[in-house]
């Protein structure tokens, strides 16, 4: 297979993995890749919204938490969620030109 979409468990989306340079794909294959990517890309804002709501819940919990170790754990979880959001926005900005994705060998 010349390309595939592999689920990234951390991000919760499938990421395109291209095994050739973009220009080496036929126009039909490029269109297929772009169609699939646009469907996935379109789901990113909703995923970000869900993660932001989870961050807000954890921050509310942190505001009333008195146990230092639990507070540290909540902070770690919030930081990881924020990191996931950042990575999702990076993928979102890879617009219709999936050719910006790395070639995997």
PDB file of N, CA and C in Angstrom:
ATOM      1  N   UNK A   1       0.843  -1.185   0.000  1.00  0.00           N
ATOM      2  CA  UNK A   1       0.000   0.000   0.000  1.00  0.00           C
ATOM      3  C   UNK A   1       0.887   1.247   0.000  1.00  0.00           C
ATOM      4  N   UNK A   2       0.482   2.228  -0.764  1.00  0.00           N
ATOM      5  CA  UNK A   2       1.262   3.460  -0.910  1.00  0.00           C
ATOM      6  C   UNK A   2       1.018   4.468   0.198  1.00  0.00           C
ATOM      7  N   UNK A   3      -0.098   4.299   0.909  1.00  0.00           N
ATOM      8  CA  UNK A   3      -0.426   5.200   2.006  1.00  0.00           C
ATOM      9  C   UNK A   3      -1.409   4.475   2.910  1.00  0.00           C
ATOM     10  N   UNK A   4      -1.531   4.986   4.113  1.00  0.00           N
ATOM     11  CA  UNK A   4      -2.546   4.472   5.028  1.00  0.00           C
ATOM     12  C   UNK A   4      -2.841   5.531   6.080  1.00  0.00           C
ATOM     13  N   UNK A   5      -3.953   5.372   6.732  1.00  0.00           N
ATOM     14  CA  UNK A   5      -4.325   6.226   7.840  1.00  0.00           C
ATOM     15  C   UNK A   5      -4.255   5.362   9.091  1.00  0.00           C
ATOM     16  N   UNK A   6      -3.416   5.763  10.035  1.00  0.00           N
ATOM     17  CA  UNK A   6      -3.188   4.970  11.236  1.00  0.00           C
ATOM     18  C   UNK A   6      -3.741   5.728  12.437  1.00  0.00           C
ATOM     19  N   UNK A   7      -4.558   5.025  13.226  1.00  0.00           N
ATOM     20  CA  UNK A   7      -5.157   5.646  14.406  1.00  0.00           C
ATOM     21  C   UNK A   7      -4.081   6.010  15.416  1.00  0.00           C
ATOM     22  N   UNK A   8      -4.066   7.265  15.801  1.00  0.00           N
ATOM     23  CA  UNK A   8      -3.201   7.734  16.885  1.00  0.00           C
ATOM     24  C   UNK A   8      -4.055   7.707  18.148  1.00  0.00           C
ATOM     25  N   UNK A   9      -3.789   6.745  19.015  1.00  0.00           N
ATOM     26  CA  UNK A   9      -4.602   6.556  20.220  1.00  0.00           C
ATOM     27  C   UNK A   9      -4.615   7.809  21.088  1.00  0.00           C
ATOM     28  N   UNK A  10      -3.480   8.467  21.200  1.00  0.00           N
ATOM     29  CA  UNK A  10      -3.373   9.650  22.050  1.00  0.00           C
ATOM     30  C   UNK A  10      -4.266  10.775  21.538  1.00  0.00           C
ATOM     31  N   UNK A  11      -4.241  10.998  20.228  1.00  0.00           N
ATOM     32  CA  UNK A  11      -5.006  12.095  19.640  1.00  0.00           C
ATOM     33  C   UNK A  11      -6.449  11.708  19.350  1.00  0.00           C
ATOM     34  N   UNK A  12      -6.698  10.437  19.177  1.00  0.00           N
ATOM     35  CA  UNK A  12      -8.047   9.987  18.879  1.00  0.00           C
ATOM     36  C   UNK A  12      -8.463  10.194  17.435  1.00  0.00           C
ATOM     37  N   UNK A  13      -7.486  10.381  16.551  1.00  0.00           N
ATOM     38  CA  UNK A  13      -7.766  10.517  15.123  1.00  0.00           C
ATOM     39  C   UNK A  13      -6.787   9.650  14.334  1.00  0.00           C
ATOM     40  N   UNK A  14      -7.169   9.333  13.118  1.00  0.00           N
ATOM     41  CA  UNK A  14      -6.257   8.618  12.224  1.00  0.00           C
ATOM     42  C   UNK A  14      -5.382   9.631  11.507  1.00  0.00           C
ATOM     43  N   UNK A  15      -4.116   9.315  11.456  1.00  0.00           N
ATOM     44  CA  UNK A  15      -3.115  10.203  10.865  1.00  0.00           C
ATOM     45  C   UNK A  15      -2.670   9.619   9.529  1.00  0.00           C
ATOM     46  N   UNK A  16      -2.569  10.461   8.492  1.00  0.00           N
ATOM     47  CA  UNK A  16      -2.108   9.939   7.200  1.00  0.00           C
ATOM     48  C   UNK A  16      -0.614   9.610   7.240  1.00  0.00           C
ATOM     49  N   UNK A  17      -0.289   8.464   6.697  1.00  0.00           N
ATOM     50  CA  UNK A  17       1.099   8.045   6.538  1.00  0.00           C
ATOM     51  C   UNK A  17       1.320   7.801   5.053  1.00  0.00           C
ATOM     52  N   UNK A  18       2.097   8.681   4.447  1.00  0.00           N
ATOM     53  CA  UNK A  18       2.382   8.599   3.019  1.00  0.00           C
ATOM     54  C   UNK A  18       3.737   7.932   2.836  1.00  0.00           C
ATOM     55  N   UNK A  19       3.801   6.968   1.949  1.00  0.00           N
ATOM     56  CA  UNK A  19       5.034   6.229   1.727  1.00  0.00           C
ATOM     57  C   UNK A  19       5.739   6.635   0.439  1.00  0.00           C
ATOM     58  N   UNK A  20       5.210   7.663  -0.213  1.00  0.00           N
ATOM     59  CA  UNK A  20       5.836   8.237  -1.400  1.00  0.00           C
ATOM     60  C   UNK A  20       5.698   9.749  -1.303  1.00  0.00           C
ATOM     61  N   UNK A  21       6.405  10.438  -2.139  1.00  0.00           N
ATOM     62  CA  UNK A  21       6.228  11.880  -2.249  1.00  0.00           C
ATOM     63  C   UNK A  21       4.848  12.151  -2.830  1.00  0.00           C
ATOM     64  N   UNK A  22       4.233  13.251  -2.400  1.00  0.00           N
ATOM     65  CA  UNK A  22       2.869  13.591  -2.826  1.00  0.00           C
ATOM     66  C   UNK A  22       2.736  13.587  -4.349  1.00  0.00           C
ATOM     67  N   UNK A  23       3.716  14.142  -5.026  1.00  0.00           N
ATOM     68  CA  UNK A  23       3.657  14.255  -6.484  1.00  0.00           C
ATOM     69  C   UNK A  23       3.719  12.897  -7.184  1.00  0.00           C
ATOM     70  N   UNK A  24       4.114  11.876  -6.476  1.00  0.00           N
ATOM     71  CA  UNK A  24       4.201  10.545  -7.080  1.00  0.00           C
ATOM     72  C   UNK A  24       2.861   9.803  -7.065  1.00  0.00           C
ATOM     73  N   UNK A  25       1.878  10.340  -6.359  1.00  0.00           N
ATOM     74  CA  UNK A  25       0.552   9.727  -6.339  1.00  0.00           C
ATOM     75  C   UNK A  25      -0.252  10.200  -7.541  1.00  0.00           C
ATOM     76  N   UNK A  26      -1.080   9.326  -8.058  1.00  0.00           N
ATOM     77  CA  UNK A  26      -1.965   9.727  -9.155  1.00  0.00           C
ATOM     78  C   UNK A  26      -2.963  10.759  -8.631  1.00  0.00           C
ATOM     79  N   UNK A  27      -3.550  11.510  -9.535  1.00  0.00           N
ATOM     80  CA  UNK A  27      -4.543  12.507  -9.126  1.00  0.00           C
ATOM     81  C   UNK A  27      -5.719  11.841  -8.424  1.00  0.00           C
ATOM     82  N   UNK A  28      -6.099  10.659  -8.868  1.00  0.00           N
ATOM     83  CA  UNK A  28      -7.202   9.932  -8.252  1.00  0.00           C
ATOM     84  C   UNK A  28      -6.853   9.544  -6.808  1.00  0.00           C
ATOM     85  N   UNK A  29      -5.637   9.065  -6.611  1.00  0.00           N
ATOM     86  CA  UNK A  29      -5.207   8.691  -5.261  1.00  0.00           C
ATOM     87  C   UNK A  29      -5.098   9.924  -4.378  1.00  0.00           C
ATOM     88  N   UNK A  30      -4.561  11.005  -4.909  1.00  0.00           N
ATOM     89  CA  UNK A  30      -4.493  12.248  -4.141  1.00  0.00           C
ATOM     90  C   UNK A  30      -5.888  12.677  -3.703  1.00  0.00           C
ATOM     91  N   UNK A  31      -6.850  12.588  -4.608  1.00  0.00           N
ATOM     92  CA  UNK A  31      -8.223  12.970  -4.279  1.00  0.00           C
ATOM     93  C   UNK A  31      -8.791  12.060  -3.186  1.00  0.00           C
ATOM     94  N   UNK A  32      -8.509  10.764  -3.259  1.00  0.00           N
ATOM     95  CA  UNK A  32      -8.976   9.829  -2.232  1.00  0.00           C
ATOM     96  C   UNK A  32      -8.378  10.164  -0.869  1.00  0.00           C
ATOM     97  N   UNK A  33      -7.088  10.454  -0.856  1.00  0.00           N
ATOM     98  CA  UNK A  33      -6.410  10.798   0.398  1.00  0.00           C
ATOM     99  C   UNK A  33      -6.999  12.082   0.972  1.00  0.00           C
ATOM    100  N   UNK A  34      -7.159  13.083   0.118  1.00  0.00           N
ATOM    101  CA  UNK A  34      -7.694  14.368   0.577  1.00  0.00           C
ATOM    102  C   UNK A  34      -9.124  14.240   1.096  1.00  0.00           C
ATOM    103  N   UNK A  35      -9.931  13.437   0.435  1.00  0.00           N
ATOM    104  CA  UNK A  35     -11.302  13.242   0.876  1.00  0.00           C
ATOM    105  C   UNK A  35     -11.334  12.616   2.272  1.00  0.00           C
ATOM    106  N   UNK A  36     -10.533  11.602   2.463  1.00  0.00           N
ATOM    107  CA  UNK A  36     -10.488  10.950   3.781  1.00  0.00           C
ATOM    108  C   UNK A  36      -9.929  11.909   4.821  1.00  0.00           C
ATOM    109  N   UNK A  37      -8.858  12.624   4.483  1.00  0.00           N
ATOM    110  CA  UNK A  37      -8.249  13.548   5.438  1.00  0.00           C
ATOM    111  C   UNK A  37      -9.221  14.655   5.836  1.00  0.00           C
ATOM    112  N   UNK A  38      -9.951  15.202   4.871  1.00  0.00           N
ATOM    113  CA  UNK A  38     -10.894  16.279   5.181  1.00  0.00           C
ATOM    114  C   UNK A  38     -11.980  15.802   6.138  1.00  0.00           C
ATOM    115  N   UNK A  39     -12.388  14.562   6.008  1.00  0.00           N
ATOM    116  CA  UNK A  39     -13.373  14.004   6.935  1.00  0.00           C
ATOM    117  C   UNK A  39     -12.794  13.930   8.343  1.00  0.00           C
ATOM    118  N   UNK A  40     -11.578  13.455   8.449  1.00  0.00           N
ATOM    119  CA  UNK A  40     -10.914  13.359   9.751  1.00  0.00           C
ATOM    120  C   UNK A  40     -10.644  14.755  10.304  1.00  0.00           C
ATOM    121  N   UNK A  41     -10.105  15.611   9.460  1.00  0.00           N
ATOM    122  CA  UNK A  41      -9.762  16.981   9.859  1.00  0.00           C
ATOM    123  C   UNK A  41     -10.987  17.721  10.374  1.00  0.00           C
ATOM    124  N   UNK A  42     -12.122  17.477   9.764  1.00  0.00           N
ATOM    125  CA  UNK A  42     -13.359  18.139  10.168  1.00  0.00           C
ATOM    126  C   UNK A  42     -13.813  17.768  11.569  1.00  0.00           C
ATOM    127  N   UNK A  43     -13.344  16.637  12.081  1.00  0.00           N
ATOM    128  CA  UNK A  43     -13.728  16.209  13.429  1.00  0.00           C
ATOM    129  C   UNK A  43     -12.860  16.827  14.521  1.00  0.00           C
ATOM    130  N   UNK A  44     -11.762  17.440  14.141  1.00  0.00           N
ATOM    131  CA  UNK A  44     -10.811  17.955  15.125  1.00  0.00           C
ATOM    132  C   UNK A  44     -11.403  19.046  16.023  1.00  0.00           C
ATOM    133  N   UNK A  45     -12.100  20.057  15.507  1.00  0.00           N
ATOM    134  CA  UNK A  45     -12.651  21.075  16.412  1.00  0.00           C
ATOM    135  C   UNK A  45     -13.564  20.493  17.496  1.00  0.00           C
ATOM    136  N   UNK A  46     -14.366  19.483  17.147  1.00  0.00           N
ATOM    137  CA  UNK A  46     -15.224  18.850  18.152  1.00  0.00           C
ATOM    138  C   UNK A  46     -14.397  18.124  19.213  1.00  0.00           C
ATOM    139  N   UNK A  47     -13.335  17.457  18.787  1.00  0.00           N
ATOM    140  CA  UNK A  47     -12.458  16.775  19.740  1.00  0.00           C
ATOM    141  C   UNK A  47     -11.801  17.783  20.677  1.00  0.00           C
ATOM    142  N   UNK A  48     -11.360  18.905  20.125  1.00  0.00           N
ATOM    143  CA  UNK A  48     -10.742  19.950  20.943  1.00  0.00           C
ATOM    144  C   UNK A  48     -11.745  20.480  21.962  1.00  0.00           C
ATOM    145  N   UNK A  49     -12.960  20.689  21.529  1.00  0.00           N
ATOM    146  CA  UNK A  49     -14.002  21.184  22.432  1.00  0.00           C
ATOM    147  C   UNK A  49     -14.235  20.206  23.595  1.00  0.00           C
ATOM    148  N   UNK A  50     -14.268  18.919  23.292  1.00  0.00           N
ATOM    149  CA  UNK A  50     -14.440  17.902  24.332  1.00  0.00           C
ATOM    150  C   UNK A  50     -13.272  17.920  25.320  1.00  0.00           C
ATOM    151  N   UNK A  51     -12.062  18.034  24.793  1.00  0.00           N
ATOM    152  CA  UNK A  51     -10.881  18.066  25.660  1.00  0.00           C
ATOM    153  C   UNK A  51     -10.854  19.328  26.516  1.00  0.00           C
ATOM    154  N   UNK A  52     -11.264  20.459  25.948  1.00  0.00           N
ATOM    155  CA  UNK A  52     -11.327  21.702  26.723  1.00  0.00           C
ATOM    156  C   UNK A  52     -12.342  21.582  27.860  1.00  0.00           C
ATOM    157  N   UNK A  53     -13.455  20.918  27.603  1.00  0.00           N
ATOM    158  CA  UNK A  53     -14.453  20.709  28.658  1.00  0.00           C
ATOM    159  C   UNK A  53     -13.871  19.826  29.760  1.00  0.00           C
ATOM    160  N   UNK A  54     -13.101  18.828  29.372  1.00  0.00           N
ATOM    161  CA  UNK A  54     -12.461  17.959  30.366  1.00  0.00           C
ATOM    162  C   UNK A  54     -11.432  18.740  31.180  1.00  0.00           C
ATOM    163  N   UNK A  55     -10.682  19.608  30.523  1.00  0.00           N
ATOM    164  CA  UNK A  55      -9.730  20.462  31.249  1.00  0.00           C
ATOM    165  C   UNK A  55     -10.481  21.333  32.255  1.00  0.00           C
ATOM    166  N   UNK A  56     -11.587  21.926  31.831  1.00  0.00           N
ATOM    167  CA  UNK A  56     -12.372  22.778  32.728  1.00  0.00           C
ATOM    168  C   UNK A  56     -12.872  21.999  33.942  1.00  0.00           C
ATOM    169  N   UNK A  57     -13.298  20.747  33.731  1.00  0.00           N
ATOM    170  CA  UNK A  57     -13.748  19.918  34.857  1.00  0.00           C
ATOM    171  C   UNK A  57     -12.594  19.645  35.821  1.00  0.00           C
ATOM    172  N   UNK A  58     -11.440  19.327  35.256  1.00  0.00           N
ATOM    173  CA  UNK A  58     -10.278  19.039  36.102  1.00  0.00           C
ATOM    174  C   UNK A  58      -9.797  20.294  36.831  1.00  0.00           C
ATOM    175  N   UNK A  59      -9.873  21.453  36.186  1.00  0.00           N
ATOM    176  CA  UNK A  59      -9.486  22.695  36.855  1.00  0.00           C
ATOM    177  C   UNK A  59     -10.446  23.022  37.995  1.00  0.00           C
ATOM    178  N   UNK A  60     -11.721  22.769  37.787  1.00  0.00           N
ATOM    179  CA  UNK A  60     -12.699  22.988  38.865  1.00  0.00           C
ATOM    180  C   UNK A  60     -12.406  22.056  40.033  1.00  0.00           C
ATOM    181  N   UNK A  61     -12.059  20.829  39.700  1.00  0.00           N
ATOM    182  CA  UNK A  61     -11.704  19.854  40.734  1.00  0.00           C
ATOM    183  C   UNK A  61     -10.427  20.302  41.460  1.00  0.00           C
ATOM    184  N   UNK A  62      -9.479  20.812  40.712  1.00  0.00           N
ATOM    185  CA  UNK A  62      -8.213  21.279  41.279  1.00  0.00           C
ATOM    186  C   UNK A  62      -8.434  22.454  42.224  1.00  0.00           C
ATOM    187  N   UNK A  63      -9.390  23.305  41.907  1.00  0.00           N
ATOM    188  CA  UNK A  63      -9.664  24.486  42.736  1.00  0.00           C
ATOM    189  C   UNK A  63     -10.095  24.131  44.152  1.00  0.00           C
ATOM    190  N   UNK A  64     -10.684  22.964  44.310  1.00  0.00           N
ATOM    191  CA  UNK A  64     -11.171  22.570  45.644  1.00  0.00           C
ATOM    192  C   UNK A  64     -10.354  21.432  46.256  1.00  0.00           C
ATOM    193  N   UNK A  65      -9.375  20.939  45.523  1.00  0.00           N
ATOM    194  CA  UNK A  65      -8.579  19.808  46.008  1.00  0.00           C
ATOM    195  C   UNK A  65      -7.596  20.257  47.091  1.00  0.00           C
ATOM    196  N   UNK A  66      -7.584  19.523  48.182  1.00  0.00           N
ATOM    197  CA  UNK A  66      -6.683  19.850  49.287  1.00  0.00           C
ATOM    198  C   UNK A  66      -5.489  18.907  49.363  1.00  0.00           C
ATOM    199  N   UNK A  67      -5.593  17.762  48.757  1.00  0.00           N
ATOM    200  CA  UNK A  67      -4.509  16.780  48.780  1.00  0.00           C
ATOM    201  C   UNK A  67      -3.470  17.159  47.734  1.00  0.00           C
ATOM    202  N   UNK A  68      -2.234  17.378  48.197  1.00  0.00           N
ATOM    203  CA  UNK A  68      -1.178  17.840  47.301  1.00  0.00           C
ATOM    204  C   UNK A  68      -0.904  16.835  46.189  1.00  0.00           C
ATOM    205  N   UNK A  69      -0.836  15.563  46.505  1.00  0.00           N
ATOM    206  CA  UNK A  69      -0.543  14.549  45.484  1.00  0.00           C
ATOM    207  C   UNK A  69      -1.648  14.478  44.428  1.00  0.00           C
ATOM    208  N   UNK A  70      -2.873  14.588  44.869  1.00  0.00           N
ATOM    209  CA  UNK A  70      -3.988  14.596  43.911  1.00  0.00           C
ATOM    210  C   UNK A  70      -3.915  15.855  43.049  1.00  0.00           C
ATOM    211  N   UNK A  71      -3.557  16.981  43.653  1.00  0.00           N
ATOM    212  CA  UNK A  71      -3.409  18.228  42.895  1.00  0.00           C
ATOM    213  C   UNK A  71      -2.331  18.091  41.822  1.00  0.00           C
ATOM    214  N   UNK A  72      -1.227  17.462  42.193  1.00  0.00           N
ATOM    215  CA  UNK A  72      -0.142  17.253  41.223  1.00  0.00           C
ATOM    216  C   UNK A  72      -0.616  16.363  40.073  1.00  0.00           C
ATOM    217  N   UNK A  73      -1.364  15.322  40.393  1.00  0.00           N
ATOM    218  CA  UNK A  73      -1.882  14.420  39.361  1.00  0.00           C
ATOM    219  C   UNK A  73      -2.844  15.167  38.433  1.00  0.00           C
ATOM    220  N   UNK A  74      -3.710  15.967  38.998  1.00  0.00           N
ATOM    221  CA  UNK A  74      -4.635  16.759  38.180  1.00  0.00           C
ATOM    222  C   UNK A  74      -3.882  17.711  37.258  1.00  0.00           C
ATOM    223  N   UNK A  75      -2.837  18.349  37.783  1.00  0.00           N
ATOM    224  CA  UNK A  75      -2.018  19.243  36.960  1.00  0.00           C
ATOM    225  C   UNK A  75      -1.377  18.492  35.803  1.00  0.00           C
ATOM    226  N   UNK A  76      -0.875  17.291  36.082  1.00  0.00           N
ATOM    227  CA  UNK A  76      -0.281  16.475  35.010  1.00  0.00           C
ATOM    228  C   UNK A  76      -1.321  16.125  33.949  1.00  0.00           C
ATOM    229  N   UNK A  77      -2.504  15.753  34.387  1.00  0.00           N
ATOM    230  CA  UNK A  77      -3.569  15.400  33.446  1.00  0.00           C
ATOM    231  C   UNK A  77      -3.987  16.610  32.610  1.00  0.00           C
ATOM    232  N   UNK A  78      -4.074  17.753  33.231  1.00  0.00           N
ATOM    233  CA  UNK A  78      -4.428  18.986  32.505  1.00  0.00           C
ATOM    234  C   UNK A  78      -3.353  19.311  31.475  1.00  0.00           C
ATOM    235  N   UNK A  79      -2.095  19.180  31.868  1.00  0.00           N
ATOM    236  CA  UNK A  79      -0.993  19.464  30.939  1.00  0.00           C
ATOM    237  C   UNK A  79      -1.020  18.504  29.747  1.00  0.00           C
ATOM    238  N   UNK A  80      -1.313  17.236  29.995  1.00  0.00           N
ATOM    239  CA  UNK A  80      -1.376  16.267  28.896  1.00  0.00           C
ATOM    240  C   UNK A  80      -2.533  16.586  27.960  1.00  0.00           C
ATOM    241  N   UNK A  81      -3.678  16.937  28.510  1.00  0.00           N
ATOM    242  CA  UNK A  81      -4.821  17.310  27.667  1.00  0.00           C
ATOM    243  C   UNK A  81      -4.499  18.544  26.828  1.00  0.00           C
ATOM    244  N   UNK A  82      -3.829  19.519  27.432  1.00  0.00           N
ATOM    245  CA  UNK A  82      -3.440  20.723  26.691  1.00  0.00           C
ATOM    246  C   UNK A  82      -2.455  20.371  25.573  1.00  0.00           C
ATOM    247  N   UNK A  83      -1.566  19.439  25.829  1.00  0.00           N
ATOM    248  CA  UNK A  83      -0.611  18.999  24.813  1.00  0.00           C
ATOM    249  C   UNK A  83      -1.333  18.314  23.649  1.00  0.00           C
ATOM    250  N   UNK A  84      -2.318  17.501  23.969  1.00  0.00           N
ATOM    251  CA  UNK A  84      -3.100  16.840  22.927  1.00  0.00           C
ATOM    252  C   UNK A  84      -3.826  17.878  22.079  1.00  0.00           C
ATOM    253  N   UNK A  85      -4.416  18.866  22.726  1.00  0.00           N
ATOM    254  CA  UNK A  85      -5.106  19.936  21.995  1.00  0.00           C
ATOM    255  C   UNK A  85      -4.134  20.638  21.050  1.00  0.00           C
ATOM    256  N   UNK A  86      -2.964  20.950  21.545  1.00  0.00           N
ATOM    257  CA  UNK A  86      -1.953  21.612  20.716  1.00  0.00           C
ATOM    258  C   UNK A  86      -1.625  20.754  19.491  1.00  0.00           C
ATOM    259  N   UNK A  87      -1.404  19.464  19.691  1.00  0.00           N
ATOM    260  CA  UNK A  87      -1.076  18.580  18.577  1.00  0.00           C
ATOM    261  C   UNK A  87      -2.244  18.466  17.590  1.00  0.00           C
ATOM    262  N   UNK A  88      -3.458  18.424  18.106  1.00  0.00           N
ATOM    263  CA  UNK A  88      -4.623  18.372  17.215  1.00  0.00           C
ATOM    264  C   UNK A  88      -4.702  19.618  16.349  1.00  0.00           C
ATOM    265  N   UNK A  89      -4.444  20.792  16.934  1.00  0.00           N
ATOM    266  CA  UNK A  89      -4.485  22.026  16.136  1.00  0.00           C
ATOM    267  C   UNK A  89      -3.379  22.041  15.085  1.00  0.00           C
ATOM    268  N   UNK A  90      -2.241  21.465  15.404  1.00  0.00           N
ATOM    269  CA  UNK A  90      -1.168  21.367  14.397  1.00  0.00           C
ATOM    270  C   UNK A  90      -1.658  20.532  13.215  1.00  0.00           C
ATOM    271  N   UNK A  91      -2.263  19.389  13.503  1.00  0.00           N
ATOM    272  CA  UNK A  91      -2.794  18.553  12.421  1.00  0.00           C
ATOM    273  C   UNK A  91      -3.920  19.259  11.682  1.00  0.00           C
ATOM    274  N   UNK A  92      -4.729  20.011  12.400  1.00  0.00           N
ATOM    275  CA  UNK A  92      -5.829  20.737  11.764  1.00  0.00           C
ATOM    276  C   UNK A  92      -5.299  21.747  10.754  1.00  0.00           C
ATOM    277  N   UNK A  93      -4.180  22.369  11.066  1.00  0.00           N
ATOM    278  CA  UNK A  93      -3.608  23.394  10.191  1.00  0.00           C
ATOM    279  C   UNK A  93      -2.975  22.808   8.939  1.00  0.00           C
ATOM    280  N   UNK A  94      -2.745  21.491   8.959  1.00  0.00           N
ATOM    281  CA  UNK A  94      -2.308  20.852   7.723  1.00  0.00           C
ATOM    282  C   UNK A  94      -3.552  20.780   6.865  1.00  0.00           C
ATOM    283  N   UNK A  95      -3.719  21.814   6.074  1.00  0.00           N
ATOM    284  CA  UNK A  95      -4.981  21.986   5.358  1.00  0.00           C
ATOM    285  C   UNK A  95      -5.164  20.924   4.296  1.00  0.00           C
ATOM    286  N   UNK A  96      -5.783  21.262   3.249  1.00  0.00           N
ATOM    287  CA  UNK A  96      -6.117  20.289   2.222  1.00  0.00           C
ATOM    288  C   UNK A  96      -4.900  19.681   1.561  1.00  0.00           C
ATOM    289  N   UNK A  97      -3.747  20.238   1.779  1.00  0.00           N
ATOM    290  CA  UNK A  97      -2.547  19.714   1.153  1.00  0.00           C
ATOM    291  C   UNK A  97      -1.874  18.722   2.101  1.00  0.00           C
ATOM    292  N   UNK A  98      -2.300  17.498   2.053  1.00  0.00           N
ATOM    293  CA  UNK A  98      -1.739  16.468   2.908  1.00  0.00           C
ATOM    294  C   UNK A  98      -0.280  16.226   2.563  1.00  0.00           C
ATOM    295  N   UNK A  99       0.176  16.808   1.474  1.00  0.00           N
ATOM    296  CA  UNK A  99       1.568  16.617   1.083  1.00  0.00           C
ATOM    297  C   UNK A  99       2.521  17.179   2.138  1.00  0.00           C
ATOM    298  N   UNK A 100       1.999  17.970   3.053  1.00  0.00           N
ATOM    299  CA  UNK A 100       2.847  18.498   4.120  1.00  0.00           C
ATOM    300  C   UNK A 100       3.164  17.433   5.155  1.00  0.00           C
ATOM    301  N   UNK A 101       2.473  16.290   5.106  1.00  0.00           N
ATOM    302  CA  UNK A 101       2.734  15.238   6.082  1.00  0.00           C
ATOM    303  C   UNK A 101       4.027  14.538   5.716  1.00  0.00           C
ATOM    304  N   UNK A 102       4.712  14.028   6.731  1.00  0.00           N
ATOM    305  CA  UNK A 102       5.995  13.376   6.460  1.00  0.00           C
ATOM    306  C   UNK A 102       5.834  12.091   5.644  1.00  0.00           C
ATOM    307  N   UNK A 103       6.838  11.781   4.869  1.00  0.00           N
ATOM    308  CA  UNK A 103       6.877  10.516   4.136  1.00  0.00           C
ATOM    309  C   UNK A 103       7.477   9.484   5.059  1.00  0.00           C
ATOM    310  N   UNK A 104       6.791   8.367   5.233  1.00  0.00           N
ATOM    311  CA  UNK A 104       7.258   7.298   6.121  1.00  0.00           C
ATOM    312  C   UNK A 104       7.886   6.209   5.280  1.00  0.00           C
ATOM    313  N   UNK A 105       9.041   5.754   5.721  1.00  0.00           N
ATOM    314  CA  UNK A 105       9.733   4.700   4.963  1.00  0.00           C
ATOM    315  C   UNK A 105       9.961   3.493   5.824  1.00  0.00           C
TER     316      UNK A 105
END
